[in-house]
Amino acid sequence: MESTLKRTWSEIDLDALIHNYRTLKARIGKNVKFLGVVKADAYGHGSVMVAKTLEEEGADYLAVSSIDEAMELRLNDIKMPILILGHTPKEQVDRLIEYNITQAVTCKAKAVEYSEEATRLNKTLKIHIKIDTGMSRLGYLCDGEFFDTGAQGIADAMNMPGLYTEGAFTHFAVADEEGEEALEYTRHQFKLFTDVCSKVEELTGKRFEIKHCANTGAVARFPETYLDMVRPGLLLYGYGEYARQLHLKPVMTLKTVVSTVKVYPEGTAISYGGIYKTDKRERIGVLPYGYADGFFRSLSNKCSLMTREGLAPQRGKICMDMCMIDLTDKPGVDVGSEIEIFGKHNPIEELSDIAGTIPYELTCAVSKRVPRTYIKDGQVISRELLLRMR
């Protein structure tokens, strides 16, 4: 659906995405596969358009969280391999097989369910086995005293009927953290992963075709972890310290417009609760951008947004559908002027640091009523609105 309303919108720079992909691909080398993580609607960037771009660029794999996310891609003509990282009910095995979707297997119970369903259908389900090396979330537990039983459990899964084990993977917990403790923990996770894979291959006489563990932090800092495939997330979209170090570009810019400008005398309370009062005669702009669009209320009175005349402080509590900024010293900014919430001139990291979170949370929070505008070769090629209009 295309929006006809210039209210608040995001601009998705596909040229920046292509630049980031090519830069990262050159970094990892031609013999290492590239998996693009497009779960959560490509972290708010639009999974279909991002996937199409990566497919055109020659990426090898995509990753999503659920079968619904995978089906969205398949029903929009994405042909490349897709790995579901999260849970899929056994009742969906037939769809996984029909649409050639790879499923993560995280424990014996899931392996048994998937094997039974695939066997009942007289078909084969492609899987990647998840190994828990220290994230303490999903995966076969293999650390310390659990090494032998974990490796044997994985070997058993590989030998179950109806399952074809293409790959094995793990997830680093602190690869993007500084300090010796984080460094040693990542090294421990990596060694454990490779040791488990070797033990399983010894037990089964079979080889994992694709071993993968390198997330954003590892791609930036630990080239020894690249193995057969990498799966950068934050890096691909151009956010964070490592993206700056590697000269990657932010893909999303979030914009809004000034809808109203009013001049208030000294001592006027602005917005709910009166947490901000003007300390002089102030010119206040109202923006149609609030927490229902993804602007965290916790940022109230703490951040600034970018105008064509520089940063304008946000004033008062952020409302559901709007917020206010101080335009007292921005005489050229008026009704209709564009405001950059975050993007090339107002880095998203500034907002995420103030909010005490990560850039992902801000991009994922951009709500469905905010249209996505896709730009390639400097031209708008598509506009997308996620609201149902019928």
Protein backbone atom coordinates (compact mmCIF):
# COMPACT_ATOMS: atom_id res chain seq x y z
CA MET A 1 0.00 0.00 0.00
CA GLU A 2 1.33 3.49 -0.83
CA SER A 3 0.94 6.37 1.59
CA THR A 4 -0.39 9.68 0.26
CA LEU A 5 0.45 11.47 3.49
CA LYS A 6 3.69 13.37 4.13
CA ARG A 7 3.67 13.06 7.89
CA THR A 8 6.48 10.93 9.29
CA TRP A 9 8.33 8.53 7.01
CA SER A 10 11.52 6.49 6.72
CA GLU A 11 13.87 6.54 3.77
CA ILE A 12 15.62 3.24 3.09
CA ASP A 13 18.82 3.83 1.13
CA LEU A 14 19.34 0.69 -0.93
CA ASP A 15 22.55 2.15 -2.32
CA ALA A 16 23.90 2.23 1.23
CA LEU A 17 22.76 -1.36 1.76
CA ILE A 18 24.55 -2.43 -1.42
CA HIS A 19 27.68 -0.55 -0.35
CA ASN A 20 27.62 -2.27 3.04
CA TYR A 21 27.09 -5.71 1.52
CA ARG A 22 29.91 -5.29 -0.99
CA THR A 23 32.27 -3.91 1.66
CA LEU A 24 31.56 -6.79 4.02
CA LYS A 25 31.74 -9.36 1.24
CA ALA A 26 35.18 -8.05 0.28
CA ARG A 27 36.20 -8.30 3.92
CA ILE A 28 35.16 -11.93 4.39
CA GLY A 29 36.46 -13.16 1.03
CA LYS A 30 34.91 -14.93 -1.92
CA ASN A 31 35.03 -18.39 -0.33
CA VAL A 32 32.88 -17.43 2.69
CA LYS A 33 29.11 -17.37 2.28
CA PHE A 34 27.06 -14.35 3.33
CA LEU A 35 23.81 -14.67 5.28
CA GLY A 36 21.67 -11.55 5.50
CA VAL A 37 19.63 -11.33 8.70
CA VAL A 38 16.19 -9.99 7.73
CA LYS A 39 14.11 -11.02 10.74
CA ALA A 40 11.73 -8.49 12.33
CA ASP A 41 11.00 -6.99 8.90
CA ALA A 42 14.76 -6.55 8.38
CA TYR A 43 14.91 -4.67 11.69
CA GLY A 44 12.30 -2.24 10.44
CA HIS A 45 13.90 -1.65 7.03
CA GLY A 46 11.45 -3.87 5.11
CA SER A 47 12.39 -7.52 4.68
CA VAL A 48 11.10 -7.96 1.13
CA MET A 49 13.01 -5.05 -0.40
CA VAL A 50 16.15 -5.83 1.60
CA ALA A 51 15.97 -9.50 0.62
CA LYS A 52 15.45 -8.66 -3.04
CA THR A 53 18.46 -6.38 -2.97
CA LEU A 54 20.65 -8.99 -1.30
CA GLU A 55 19.46 -11.66 -3.71
CA GLU A 56 20.34 -9.44 -6.68
CA GLU A 57 23.76 -8.79 -5.15
CA GLY A 58 24.48 -12.51 -4.86
CA ALA A 59 24.13 -13.13 -1.12
CA ASP A 60 23.89 -16.80 -0.19
CA TYR A 61 21.33 -17.07 2.60
CA LEU A 62 18.70 -15.15 4.55
CA ALA A 63 17.67 -15.60 8.18
CA VAL A 64 14.29 -14.92 9.76
CA SER A 65 12.68 -15.66 13.11
CA SER A 66 9.48 -17.46 12.13
CA ILE A 67 7.72 -19.30 9.35
CA ASP A 68 5.42 -16.32 8.80
CA GLU A 69 8.45 -14.15 8.07
CA ALA A 70 9.83 -16.82 5.74
CA MET A 71 6.52 -17.17 3.92
CA GLU A 72 6.35 -13.41 3.35
CA LEU A 73 9.61 -13.67 1.45
CA ARG A 74 8.64 -16.77 -0.52
CA LEU A 75 5.26 -15.28 -1.51
CA ASN A 76 7.12 -12.20 -2.75
CA ASP A 77 9.28 -14.28 -5.10
CA ILE A 78 12.43 -14.55 -2.98
CA LYS A 79 14.10 -17.77 -4.16
CA MET A 80 17.34 -17.89 -2.15
CA PRO A 81 17.79 -20.18 0.88
CA ILE A 82 16.06 -19.04 4.07
CA LEU A 83 16.93 -20.20 7.59
CA ILE A 84 14.38 -19.91 10.40
CA LEU A 85 16.31 -19.19 13.59
CA GLY A 86 13.35 -19.56 15.95
CA HIS A 87 10.56 -21.97 16.80
CA THR A 88 8.32 -23.60 14.20
CA PRO A 89 5.50 -25.93 15.30
CA LYS A 90 5.70 -29.46 13.95
CA GLU A 91 2.38 -28.93 12.17
CA GLN A 92 4.19 -26.59 9.78
CA VAL A 93 6.81 -29.07 8.60
CA ASP A 94 4.94 -29.69 5.36
CA ARG A 95 5.09 -25.97 4.54
CA LEU A 96 8.78 -25.82 5.42
CA ILE A 97 9.46 -28.59 2.95
CA GLU A 98 7.09 -27.33 0.26
CA TYR A 99 8.65 -23.87 0.26
CA ASN A 100 12.24 -25.07 0.69
CA ILE A 101 12.81 -23.37 4.04
CA THR A 102 15.63 -24.48 6.34
CA GLN A 103 14.72 -24.95 10.00
CA ALA A 104 16.95 -24.55 13.06
CA VAL A 105 16.91 -27.57 15.39
CA THR A 106 17.72 -26.62 18.95
CA CYS A 107 17.15 -29.74 21.05
CA LYS A 108 16.29 -33.45 20.92
CA ALA A 109 12.55 -32.88 21.29
CA LYS A 110 12.44 -30.63 18.21
CA ALA A 111 14.56 -33.05 16.20
CA VAL A 112 12.24 -35.92 17.05
CA GLU A 113 9.11 -33.93 16.15
CA TYR A 114 10.50 -32.75 12.84
CA SER A 115 11.81 -36.21 11.97
CA GLU A 116 8.45 -37.86 12.69
CA GLU A 117 6.54 -35.30 10.62
CA ALA A 118 8.93 -35.43 7.66
CA THR A 119 8.90 -39.23 7.74
CA ARG A 120 5.10 -39.27 7.85
CA LEU A 121 5.09 -37.08 4.77
CA ASN A 122 7.73 -39.29 3.13
CA LYS A 123 9.83 -36.16 2.56
CA THR A 124 13.04 -34.57 3.84
CA LEU A 125 13.40 -31.40 5.89
CA LYS A 126 16.64 -29.42 5.65
CA ILE A 127 17.96 -28.30 9.03
CA HIS A 128 20.78 -26.41 10.73
CA ILE A 129 21.59 -27.56 14.25
CA LYS A 130 22.02 -24.89 16.92
CA ILE A 131 24.76 -25.42 19.50
CA ASP A 132 24.62 -23.51 22.80
CA THR A 133 28.22 -22.53 23.51
CA GLY A 134 27.48 -19.87 26.07
CA MET A 135 24.58 -17.68 24.98
CA SER A 136 22.43 -19.78 27.34
CA ARG A 137 19.37 -19.52 25.18
CA LEU A 138 18.57 -22.00 22.41
CA GLY A 139 20.70 -24.92 21.31
CA TYR A 140 22.17 -28.25 22.35
CA LEU A 141 24.05 -27.72 25.62
CA CYS A 142 27.63 -28.86 25.08
CA ASP A 143 29.86 -26.99 27.52
CA GLY A 144 31.88 -28.69 30.25
CA GLU A 145 30.24 -31.85 31.59
CA PHE A 146 27.66 -31.76 28.78
CA PHE A 147 30.17 -32.05 25.93
CA ASP A 148 29.84 -35.77 25.28
CA THR A 149 26.08 -36.00 25.74
CA GLY A 150 25.55 -32.84 23.68
CA ALA A 151 27.71 -34.09 20.81
CA GLN A 152 25.97 -37.47 20.89
CA GLY A 153 22.56 -35.79 20.86
CA ILE A 154 23.52 -33.81 17.78
CA ALA A 155 24.88 -36.95 16.12
CA ASP A 156 21.60 -38.73 16.87
CA ALA A 157 19.64 -35.88 15.27
CA MET A 158 21.81 -36.06 12.15
CA ASN A 159 20.96 -39.74 11.81
CA MET A 160 17.21 -39.33 12.23
CA PRO A 161 15.08 -40.20 9.19
CA GLY A 162 13.49 -37.37 7.27
CA LEU A 163 16.15 -34.84 8.27
CA TYR A 164 19.00 -33.53 6.14
CA THR A 165 21.53 -31.65 8.26
CA GLU A 166 23.12 -29.01 6.07
CA GLY A 167 24.70 -26.90 8.79
CA ALA A 168 25.55 -26.16 12.38
CA PHE A 169 25.72 -22.79 14.10
CA THR A 170 26.12 -20.96 17.38
CA HIS A 171 25.73 -17.39 18.56
CA PHE A 172 28.33 -15.26 20.33
CA ALA A 173 27.20 -13.47 23.46
CA VAL A 174 29.91 -10.80 23.89
CA ALA A 175 31.82 -10.62 20.59
CA ASP A 176 31.00 -6.91 20.40
CA GLU A 177 32.12 -6.17 23.96
CA GLU A 178 35.53 -4.78 24.92
CA GLY A 179 37.83 -6.16 27.58
CA GLU A 180 39.87 -9.27 28.21
CA GLU A 181 37.01 -11.18 29.83
CA ALA A 182 34.78 -10.73 26.77
CA LEU A 183 37.67 -11.64 24.48
CA GLU A 184 38.36 -14.87 26.34
CA TYR A 185 34.66 -15.77 26.47
CA THR A 186 34.32 -15.36 22.70
CA ARG A 187 37.44 -17.44 22.13
CA HIS A 188 36.02 -20.10 24.44
CA GLN A 189 32.71 -20.13 22.58
CA PHE A 190 34.45 -20.44 19.22
CA LYS A 191 36.74 -23.27 20.32
CA LEU A 192 33.84 -25.13 21.89
CA PHE A 193 31.80 -24.78 18.70
CA THR A 194 34.57 -26.10 16.47
CA ASP A 195 35.37 -28.90 18.93
CA VAL A 196 31.72 -30.00 19.05
CA CYS A 197 31.45 -29.93 15.27
CA SER A 198 34.59 -32.04 14.92
CA LYS A 199 33.35 -34.54 17.50
CA VAL A 200 29.95 -34.86 15.80
CA GLU A 201 31.56 -35.33 12.41
CA GLU A 202 33.76 -38.03 13.95
CA LEU A 203 30.75 -39.78 15.49
CA THR A 204 28.61 -39.67 12.34
CA GLY A 205 31.14 -39.87 9.55
CA LYS A 206 29.25 -36.93 8.04
CA ARG A 207 30.44 -33.38 7.44
CA PHE A 208 28.57 -30.15 8.08
CA GLU A 209 28.43 -28.32 4.77
CA ILE A 210 27.96 -24.93 6.42
CA LYS A 211 29.32 -23.97 9.83
CA HIS A 212 28.50 -20.43 10.91
CA CYS A 213 28.90 -18.35 14.05
CA ALA A 214 30.22 -14.89 13.11
CA ASN A 215 27.75 -12.16 14.05
CA THR A 216 28.41 -8.41 13.79
CA GLY A 217 31.06 -8.26 16.49
CA ALA A 218 32.86 -11.31 15.17
CA VAL A 219 32.81 -10.12 11.56
CA ALA A 220 34.40 -6.87 12.70
CA ARG A 221 36.91 -8.31 15.17
CA PHE A 222 37.46 -12.06 14.80
CA PRO A 223 38.21 -13.14 11.20
CA GLU A 224 39.18 -16.60 12.43
CA THR A 225 35.47 -17.20 13.15
CA TYR A 226 34.27 -16.70 9.57
CA LEU A 227 34.33 -20.44 8.78
CA ASP A 228 31.88 -21.26 5.94
CA MET A 229 29.41 -18.39 6.40
CA VAL A 230 28.94 -15.14 8.36
CA ARG A 231 25.73 -13.48 9.52
CA PRO A 232 26.28 -9.80 10.32
CA GLY A 233 23.23 -7.90 11.47
CA LEU A 234 23.97 -4.39 12.75
CA LEU A 235 26.91 -4.06 10.34
CA LEU A 236 24.79 -4.81 7.29
CA TYR A 237 22.50 -1.89 8.13
CA GLY A 238 25.40 0.44 8.88
CA TYR A 239 24.97 1.18 12.58
CA GLY A 240 27.32 1.07 15.53
CA GLU A 241 30.97 1.75 16.24
CA TYR A 242 32.23 -1.08 14.05
CA ALA A 243 30.20 0.16 11.09
CA ARG A 244 31.94 3.52 11.36
CA GLN A 245 35.34 1.84 11.58
CA LEU A 246 34.60 -0.14 8.42
CA HIS A 247 33.21 2.91 6.56
CA LEU A 248 29.73 1.46 6.27
CA LYS A 249 26.70 3.67 5.74
CA PRO A 250 23.43 3.91 7.71
CA VAL A 251 20.59 2.51 5.61
CA MET A 252 17.59 4.12 7.33
CA THR A 253 16.82 7.81 7.72
CA LEU A 254 13.68 8.70 9.67
CA LYS A 255 12.06 12.04 8.86
CA THR A 256 9.07 14.13 9.83
CA VAL A 257 7.81 17.68 9.22
CA VAL A 258 6.91 20.68 11.32
CA SER A 259 3.11 20.79 11.43
CA THR A 260 2.62 23.81 13.67
CA VAL A 261 4.76 26.63 15.13
CA LYS A 262 3.69 28.65 18.17
CA VAL A 263 5.41 31.31 20.26
CA TYR A 264 4.99 31.04 24.04
CA PRO A 265 5.86 33.52 26.80
CA GLU A 266 8.28 32.74 29.60
CA GLY A 267 6.95 30.24 32.15
CA THR A 268 4.70 28.27 29.78
CA ALA A 269 4.46 24.53 30.54
CA ILE A 270 4.90 22.34 27.46
CA SER A 271 3.06 19.01 27.12
CA TYR A 272 1.90 16.50 29.75
CA GLY A 273 3.08 16.94 33.30
CA GLY A 274 4.74 20.27 32.68
CA ILE A 275 8.24 18.80 32.97
CA TYR A 276 9.49 21.60 30.73
CA LYS A 277 8.67 25.28 31.17
CA THR A 278 9.93 27.98 28.86
CA ASP A 279 12.60 30.13 30.50
CA LYS A 280 12.12 32.95 28.02
CA ARG A 281 9.93 33.75 25.04
CA GLU A 282 10.26 30.57 22.96
CA ARG A 283 9.24 29.44 19.51
CA ILE A 284 8.01 25.84 19.70
CA GLY A 285 7.43 23.54 16.74
CA VAL A 286 5.00 20.61 16.86
CA LEU A 287 5.99 17.46 14.97
CA PRO A 288 3.60 14.64 13.96
CA TYR A 289 5.91 12.06 15.52
CA GLY A 290 5.23 10.35 18.85
CA TYR A 291 5.59 7.12 20.73
CA ALA A 292 2.99 5.39 18.53
CA ASP A 293 5.40 5.99 15.65
CA GLY A 294 8.34 4.59 17.63
CA PHE A 295 9.67 7.64 19.51
CA PHE A 296 10.50 6.31 22.97
CA ARG A 297 8.79 8.33 25.69
CA SER A 298 11.89 7.81 27.82
CA LEU A 299 13.68 10.24 25.50
CA SER A 300 11.38 13.09 26.57
CA ASN A 301 13.24 16.35 27.13
CA LYS A 302 16.60 14.58 26.64
CA CYS A 303 17.34 14.50 22.91
CA SER A 304 17.59 16.73 19.85
CA LEU A 305 16.38 16.37 16.28
CA MET A 306 18.09 17.76 13.20
CA THR A 307 16.75 20.74 11.28
CA ARG A 308 18.31 22.43 8.26
CA GLU A 309 19.68 25.01 10.71
CA GLY A 310 21.11 22.49 13.17
CA LEU A 311 19.95 20.48 16.15
CA ALA A 312 16.72 21.48 17.89
CA PRO A 313 16.14 20.26 21.47
CA GLN A 314 13.02 18.20 22.08
CA ARG A 315 10.83 19.82 24.74
CA GLY A 316 8.34 18.32 27.19
CA LYS A 317 6.95 14.82 27.30
CA ILE A 318 6.65 12.92 24.03
CA CYS A 319 2.98 12.28 23.22
CA MET A 320 1.38 9.36 21.39
CA ASP A 321 1.15 11.15 18.03
CA MET A 322 3.38 14.20 18.35
CA CYS A 323 6.24 15.90 20.10
CA MET A 324 7.61 19.42 20.42
CA ILE A 325 10.98 20.94 19.56
CA ASP A 326 12.55 24.31 20.37
CA LEU A 327 12.90 26.47 17.25
CA THR A 328 13.68 29.72 19.07
CA ASP A 329 17.06 30.11 17.39
CA LYS A 330 15.96 28.46 14.10
CA PRO A 331 14.08 31.28 12.33
CA GLY A 332 14.30 29.58 8.93
CA VAL A 333 12.58 26.41 10.15
CA ASP A 334 8.83 26.77 9.78
CA VAL A 335 5.65 24.83 9.03
CA GLY A 336 6.43 22.21 6.38
CA SER A 337 10.17 22.09 7.08
CA GLU A 338 11.68 18.59 7.09
CA ILE A 339 13.19 17.28 10.32
CA GLU A 340 15.62 14.37 10.50
CA ILE A 341 14.89 12.23 13.54
CA PHE A 342 17.89 10.02 12.87
CA GLY A 343 19.99 9.29 9.82
CA LYS A 344 23.04 10.62 8.02
CA HIS A 345 23.08 13.98 9.84
CA ASN A 346 21.75 12.87 13.24
CA PRO A 347 23.26 9.44 14.01
CA ILE A 348 20.87 6.89 15.47
CA GLU A 349 23.56 5.99 18.00
CA GLU A 350 23.03 9.38 19.66
CA LEU A 351 19.39 8.54 20.36
CA SER A 352 20.05 4.93 21.35
CA ASP A 353 22.77 5.96 23.80
CA ILE A 354 20.44 8.47 25.47
CA ALA A 355 17.69 5.84 25.63
CA GLY A 356 20.12 3.29 27.09
CA THR A 357 19.53 0.81 24.31
CA ILE A 358 20.87 -0.29 20.91
CA PRO A 359 20.11 1.11 17.44
CA TYR A 360 18.18 -2.07 16.54
CA GLU A 361 15.53 -1.30 19.12
CA LEU A 362 14.89 2.10 17.55
CA THR A 363 14.67 0.82 13.97
CA CYS A 364 12.46 -2.11 15.02
CA ALA A 365 10.21 0.31 16.90
CA VAL A 366 9.33 2.33 13.79
CA SER A 367 5.63 1.50 13.60
CA LYS A 368 3.56 0.21 10.71
CA ARG A 369 1.88 3.57 10.20
CA VAL A 370 5.24 5.06 9.18
CA PRO A 371 5.67 4.59 5.40
CA ARG A 372 8.96 3.23 4.04
CA THR A 373 10.38 5.01 0.99
CA TYR A 374 13.01 3.05 -0.95
CA ILE A 375 15.79 4.88 -2.74
CA LYS A 376 18.18 3.41 -5.31
CA ASP A 377 20.59 5.24 -7.60
CA GLY A 378 19.43 8.39 -5.88
CA GLN A 379 15.82 7.93 -7.02
CA VAL A 380 12.68 6.82 -5.18
CA ILE A 381 11.79 3.40 -6.59
CA SER A 382 9.05 2.30 -4.21
CA ARG A 383 6.88 3.39 -1.31
CA GLU A 384 5.38 0.98 1.15
CA LEU A 385 2.78 1.38 3.89
CA LEU A 386 2.02 -1.54 6.19
CA LEU A 387 -1.44 -0.36 7.27
CA ARG A 388 -4.39 -2.42 6.01
CA MET A 389 -6.57 -0.23 3.81
CA ARG A 390 -9.33 -2.72 3.10
